[in-house]
Protein backbone atom coordinates (compact mmCIF):
# COMPACT_ATOMS: atom_id res chain seq x y z
CA MET A 1 0.33 -16.88 -0.54
CA ARG A 2 -1.22 -14.54 -3.04
CA ILE A 3 -1.66 -15.87 -6.58
CA ASN A 4 -1.64 -13.57 -9.59
CA LYS A 5 -3.80 -15.68 -11.93
CA LYS A 6 -2.56 -13.74 -14.97
CA ARG A 7 0.85 -15.40 -14.51
CA TYR A 8 -0.69 -18.89 -14.56
CA GLU A 9 -2.54 -21.00 -17.02
CA VAL A 10 -5.63 -22.11 -15.09
CA ALA A 11 -6.79 -25.74 -15.21
CA ASP A 12 -10.28 -25.57 -13.72
CA THR A 13 -12.12 -28.32 -15.62
CA PHE A 14 -11.72 -32.09 -15.55
CA TRP A 15 -10.13 -32.22 -19.03
CA LYS A 16 -7.75 -29.30 -18.45
CA ARG A 17 -6.59 -30.89 -15.19
CA ALA A 18 -6.25 -34.32 -16.84
CA LYS A 19 -4.07 -32.91 -19.64
CA GLY A 20 -2.05 -30.55 -17.44
CA LEU A 21 1.38 -29.90 -18.95
CA MET A 22 1.51 -33.10 -21.04
CA PHE A 23 3.41 -32.98 -24.34
CA ARG A 24 4.73 -29.44 -23.88
CA LYS A 25 8.35 -28.42 -24.30
CA SER A 26 8.12 -25.52 -21.87
CA THR A 27 5.36 -23.37 -20.50
CA ARG A 28 4.26 -20.84 -17.96
CA PRO A 29 3.16 -22.25 -14.60
CA MET A 30 -0.21 -24.00 -14.34
CA LEU A 31 -2.66 -23.53 -11.48
CA PHE A 32 -4.98 -26.49 -10.91
CA VAL A 33 -8.26 -25.46 -9.27
CA PHE A 34 -10.44 -28.13 -7.66
CA ASP A 35 -14.02 -27.84 -6.40
CA ASN A 36 -13.27 -29.33 -3.00
CA ASP A 37 -10.46 -30.10 -0.58
CA ASP A 38 -9.09 -33.60 -1.09
CA TYR A 39 -5.87 -35.56 -1.60
CA HIS A 40 -5.60 -34.47 -5.25
CA SER A 41 -2.54 -35.98 -6.88
CA ILE A 42 -0.19 -35.37 -9.81
CA TRP A 43 1.63 -37.79 -12.05
CA MET A 44 4.11 -37.06 -14.77
CA LEU A 45 2.71 -38.98 -17.76
CA PHE A 46 3.96 -37.67 -21.14
CA MET A 47 5.92 -34.84 -19.52
CA ARG A 48 9.07 -33.62 -21.24
CA PHE A 49 10.76 -31.80 -18.37
CA PRO A 50 11.02 -31.93 -14.56
CA ILE A 51 8.65 -29.73 -12.56
CA ASP A 52 8.16 -28.34 -9.09
CA ILE A 53 4.75 -29.14 -7.58
CA VAL A 54 3.20 -26.93 -4.88
CA PHE A 55 0.13 -28.15 -2.98
CA LEU A 56 -2.07 -25.40 -1.49
CA ASP A 57 -5.05 -25.47 0.86
CA SER A 58 -8.30 -23.54 0.31
CA LYS A 59 -6.72 -20.37 1.76
CA MET A 60 -3.72 -20.64 -0.60
CA ASN A 61 -1.37 -21.70 2.20
CA VAL A 62 1.40 -24.03 1.09
CA ILE A 63 0.86 -27.56 2.41
CA ASN A 64 3.98 -29.06 0.86
CA GLU A 65 6.20 -28.83 -2.20
CA VAL A 66 7.89 -31.40 -4.40
CA LYS A 67 10.98 -30.10 -6.15
CA ASN A 68 12.39 -31.44 -9.41
CA ALA A 69 9.75 -34.14 -10.00
CA LYS A 70 10.95 -36.24 -12.92
CA PRO A 71 8.80 -37.35 -15.87
CA ILE A 72 7.60 -40.94 -16.08
CA GLY A 73 9.78 -43.19 -18.24
CA PHE A 74 9.39 -46.72 -19.54
CA SER A 75 10.89 -48.20 -16.38
CA PRO A 76 8.35 -48.90 -13.60
CA LYS A 77 10.93 -47.43 -11.19
CA THR A 78 10.00 -43.98 -12.56
CA TRP A 79 6.25 -44.42 -12.09
CA ARG A 80 5.23 -42.18 -9.23
CA ILE A 81 2.15 -40.30 -8.09
CA TYR A 82 2.73 -37.14 -6.05
CA ARG A 83 0.21 -36.52 -3.26
CA PRO A 84 -0.10 -33.77 -0.66
CA LYS A 85 0.51 -34.40 3.03
CA LYS A 86 -2.93 -32.94 3.81
CA LYS A 87 -6.02 -32.24 1.76
CA CYS A 88 -5.51 -29.50 -0.83
CA ARG A 89 -7.69 -27.30 -3.05
CA TYR A 90 -5.06 -25.97 -5.48
CA ILE A 91 -1.90 -27.30 -7.09
CA ILE A 92 0.77 -25.35 -8.96
CA GLU A 93 2.99 -27.02 -11.54
CA ARG A 94 5.97 -25.03 -12.75
CA MET A 95 9.25 -25.81 -14.49
CA ALA A 96 11.75 -27.13 -11.97
CA GLY A 97 13.84 -24.46 -10.29
CA THR A 98 11.55 -21.50 -11.04
């Protein structure tokens, strides 16, 4: 997979990755860049819309994808952390269905 970084907002620091797409109404896709391969995870705290999550390895190959991940609500039933099936280096968050 080839990534055109101009199409993505890049989250390449701890604080940018921690904030992610929180509190936004809509946005362009976000590319999370990590320093190493690991089981980096995503949760949907303070999100306003569902997203698709794509986990990529260090060569930008898709490991797995989560479609239509729902934001966390007040009910513990909605509390979920999304993890890759294998170690990843990059994660893409984009509005669901794009």
